[in-house]
N, C-alpha and C. Protein backbone atom coordinates (compact mmCIF):
# COMPACT_ATOMS: atom_id res chain seq x y z
N MET A 1 -225.19 -23.40 7.58
CA MET A 1 -225.91 -22.84 8.67
C MET A 1 -226.38 -21.42 8.40
N VAL A 2 -227.66 -21.15 8.38
CA VAL A 2 -228.18 -19.83 8.10
C VAL A 2 -228.52 -19.18 9.50
N MET A 3 -227.96 -17.94 9.63
CA MET A 3 -228.28 -17.15 10.83
C MET A 3 -229.32 -16.20 10.60
N LYS A 4 -230.36 -16.19 11.42
CA LYS A 4 -231.47 -15.34 11.21
C LYS A 4 -231.47 -14.21 12.24
N LYS A 5 -230.53 -14.04 13.14
CA LYS A 5 -230.57 -13.07 14.11
C LYS A 5 -230.46 -11.76 13.52
N LYS A 6 -231.30 -10.82 14.00
CA LYS A 6 -231.19 -9.43 13.51
C LYS A 6 -230.06 -8.69 14.01
N LEU A 7 -229.80 -7.51 13.45
CA LEU A 7 -228.72 -6.73 13.99
C LEU A 7 -229.20 -6.02 15.18
N ASN A 8 -228.26 -6.08 16.25
CA ASN A 8 -228.56 -5.27 17.48
C ASN A 8 -227.84 -3.99 17.39
N SER A 9 -227.97 -3.21 18.46
CA SER A 9 -227.41 -1.84 18.49
C SER A 9 -225.94 -1.84 18.39
N LYS A 10 -225.23 -2.78 18.99
CA LYS A 10 -223.73 -2.85 18.91
C LYS A 10 -223.32 -3.17 17.45
N MET A 11 -224.03 -4.03 16.85
CA MET A 11 -223.67 -4.40 15.42
C MET A 11 -223.85 -3.13 14.54
N ARG A 12 -224.97 -2.51 14.76
CA ARG A 12 -225.19 -1.23 13.97
C ARG A 12 -224.17 -0.17 14.23
N ASP A 13 -223.71 -0.03 15.46
CA ASP A 13 -222.64 0.93 15.79
C ASP A 13 -221.42 0.50 15.02
N ILE A 14 -221.02 -0.72 15.02
CA ILE A 14 -219.79 -1.19 14.23
C ILE A 14 -219.90 -0.88 12.83
N LEU A 15 -221.01 -1.23 12.18
CA LEU A 15 -221.30 -0.91 10.80
C LEU A 15 -221.21 0.51 10.46
N LEU A 16 -221.74 1.31 11.35
CA LEU A 16 -221.73 2.83 11.12
C LEU A 16 -220.27 3.31 11.10
N VAL A 17 -219.48 2.84 11.97
CA VAL A 17 -218.03 3.32 12.06
C VAL A 17 -217.37 2.90 10.84
N ILE A 18 -217.48 1.62 10.41
CA ILE A 18 -216.86 1.14 9.17
C ILE A 18 -217.29 1.86 8.00
N HIS A 19 -218.58 2.19 7.90
CA HIS A 19 -219.19 2.97 6.74
C HIS A 19 -218.59 4.33 6.76
N ARG A 20 -218.57 5.10 8.00
CA ARG A 20 -218.09 6.41 7.96
C ARG A 20 -216.62 6.54 7.62
N LYS A 21 -215.85 5.52 7.98
CA LYS A 21 -214.36 5.55 7.67
C LYS A 21 -214.13 5.16 6.21
N SER A 22 -215.05 4.51 5.59
CA SER A 22 -214.98 4.17 4.16
C SER A 22 -213.66 3.46 3.78
N GLY A 23 -213.31 2.48 4.59
CA GLY A 23 -212.03 1.80 4.32
C GLY A 23 -211.96 0.65 5.27
N SER A 24 -210.90 -0.13 5.17
CA SER A 24 -210.57 -1.22 6.04
C SER A 24 -210.21 -0.72 7.39
N MET A 25 -210.59 -1.38 8.47
CA MET A 25 -210.18 -1.10 9.78
C MET A 25 -209.95 -2.30 10.52
N THR A 26 -208.96 -2.25 11.56
CA THR A 26 -208.77 -3.35 12.45
C THR A 26 -209.83 -3.37 13.57
N ALA A 27 -209.89 -4.47 14.25
CA ALA A 27 -210.70 -4.52 15.37
C ALA A 27 -210.40 -3.62 16.46
N HIS A 28 -209.03 -3.30 16.61
CA HIS A 28 -208.66 -2.35 17.59
C HIS A 28 -209.13 -0.96 17.33
N GLU A 29 -209.07 -0.52 15.96
CA GLU A 29 -209.56 0.75 15.47
C GLU A 29 -211.07 0.83 15.77
N ILE A 30 -211.79 -0.14 15.50
CA ILE A 30 -213.25 -0.15 15.60
C ILE A 30 -213.47 0.00 17.02
N ALA A 31 -212.78 -0.73 17.94
CA ALA A 31 -213.12 -0.66 19.34
C ALA A 31 -212.80 0.76 19.89
N ARG A 32 -211.81 1.36 19.40
CA ARG A 32 -211.43 2.75 19.84
C ARG A 32 -212.58 3.75 19.45
N GLU A 33 -212.98 3.63 18.10
CA GLU A 33 -214.06 4.42 17.56
C GLU A 33 -215.42 4.25 18.25
N THR A 34 -215.73 3.08 18.57
CA THR A 34 -217.09 2.79 19.12
C THR A 34 -217.12 2.94 20.69
N GLY A 35 -215.91 2.86 21.29
CA GLY A 35 -215.92 2.79 22.79
C GLY A 35 -216.19 1.48 23.34
N MET A 36 -216.34 0.44 22.46
CA MET A 36 -216.55 -0.98 23.02
C MET A 36 -215.26 -1.56 23.25
N SER A 37 -215.29 -2.69 24.03
CA SER A 37 -214.00 -3.39 24.30
C SER A 37 -213.62 -4.07 23.04
N TYR A 38 -212.31 -4.31 22.98
CA TYR A 38 -211.76 -5.22 21.77
C TYR A 38 -212.49 -6.58 21.76
N VAL A 39 -212.67 -7.24 22.93
CA VAL A 39 -213.35 -8.51 22.97
C VAL A 39 -214.76 -8.46 22.42
N THR A 40 -215.50 -7.36 22.88
CA THR A 40 -216.87 -7.24 22.36
C THR A 40 -216.91 -6.99 20.85
N VAL A 41 -216.04 -6.15 20.35
CA VAL A 41 -215.94 -5.98 18.90
C VAL A 41 -215.65 -7.26 18.15
N ARG A 42 -214.61 -7.92 18.60
CA ARG A 42 -214.33 -9.24 17.90
C ARG A 42 -215.51 -10.15 17.90
N LYS A 43 -216.31 -10.19 18.92
CA LYS A 43 -217.48 -11.01 19.05
C LYS A 43 -218.54 -10.67 17.92
N TYR A 44 -218.79 -9.38 17.91
CA TYR A 44 -219.77 -8.91 16.88
C TYR A 44 -219.25 -9.04 15.45
N LEU A 45 -218.00 -8.79 15.23
CA LEU A 45 -217.31 -8.93 13.94
C LEU A 45 -217.52 -10.33 13.40
N LYS A 46 -217.29 -11.26 14.27
CA LYS A 46 -217.48 -12.74 13.91
C LYS A 46 -218.86 -12.96 13.45
N LEU A 47 -219.80 -12.46 14.19
CA LEU A 47 -221.14 -12.68 13.79
C LEU A 47 -221.48 -12.04 12.48
N LEU A 48 -221.03 -10.80 12.29
CA LEU A 48 -221.29 -10.12 11.03
C LEU A 48 -220.55 -10.75 9.79
N LYS A 49 -219.49 -11.31 10.16
CA LYS A 49 -218.80 -12.05 9.02
C LYS A 49 -219.62 -13.31 8.73
N LEU A 50 -220.11 -13.96 9.67
CA LEU A 50 -220.93 -15.25 9.41
C LEU A 50 -222.23 -14.88 8.70
N LYS A 51 -222.77 -13.70 8.92
CA LYS A 51 -223.92 -13.26 8.24
C LYS A 51 -223.68 -12.77 6.74
N GLY A 52 -222.40 -12.73 6.47
CA GLY A 52 -221.97 -12.27 5.08
C GLY A 52 -221.98 -10.75 4.90
N VAL A 53 -222.09 -10.03 5.99
CA VAL A 53 -222.07 -8.59 5.97
C VAL A 53 -220.75 -7.97 5.75
N LEU A 54 -219.71 -8.51 6.47
CA LEU A 54 -218.45 -8.02 6.52
C LEU A 54 -217.40 -9.13 5.99
N ILE A 55 -216.21 -8.65 5.46
CA ILE A 55 -215.17 -9.52 5.17
C ILE A 55 -213.99 -9.20 5.90
N GLU A 56 -213.05 -10.07 6.10
CA GLU A 56 -211.77 -9.79 6.76
C GLU A 56 -210.61 -10.13 5.82
N ASP A 57 -209.71 -9.29 5.51
CA ASP A 57 -208.59 -9.63 4.57
C ASP A 57 -207.44 -10.33 5.32
N GLY A 58 -206.42 -10.63 4.65
CA GLY A 58 -205.36 -11.42 5.20
C GLY A 58 -204.56 -10.57 6.33
N ASN A 59 -204.78 -9.27 6.39
CA ASN A 59 -204.05 -8.49 7.36
C ASN A 59 -204.88 -8.12 8.45
N LYS A 60 -206.02 -8.92 8.70
CA LYS A 60 -206.96 -8.78 9.79
C LYS A 60 -207.63 -7.41 9.77
N LYS A 61 -207.77 -6.93 8.51
CA LYS A 61 -208.51 -5.63 8.38
C LYS A 61 -209.96 -6.00 7.97
N ILE A 62 -210.98 -5.25 8.53
CA ILE A 62 -212.43 -5.53 8.31
C ILE A 62 -212.85 -4.55 7.32
N ASN A 63 -213.77 -4.97 6.46
CA ASN A 63 -214.34 -4.08 5.45
C ASN A 63 -215.78 -4.54 5.05
N LYS A 64 -216.59 -3.63 4.58
CA LYS A 64 -217.87 -4.02 4.13
C LYS A 64 -217.80 -4.97 2.94
N LYS A 65 -218.69 -5.83 2.85
CA LYS A 65 -218.70 -6.84 1.67
C LYS A 65 -219.25 -6.01 0.59
N SER A 66 -218.49 -6.13 -0.57
CA SER A 66 -218.89 -5.37 -1.74
C SER A 66 -220.07 -6.10 -2.49
N SER A 67 -220.94 -5.34 -2.98
CA SER A 67 -222.17 -5.91 -3.53
C SER A 67 -222.03 -6.42 -4.93
């Protein structure tokens, strides 16, 4: 299944926080940094993982997908 939905402002905010921190973050840390609720962050992280933009390690830490 190919997702063609473009990035919205919340997705961009999440990606900016992850990029600025330059490391793995939990969804709770991302929520705290963005001011979004944890549930909202998880929703957008799931979409970003499906798009292949982010990866999640075994410890539930989120990171940018390496090129």
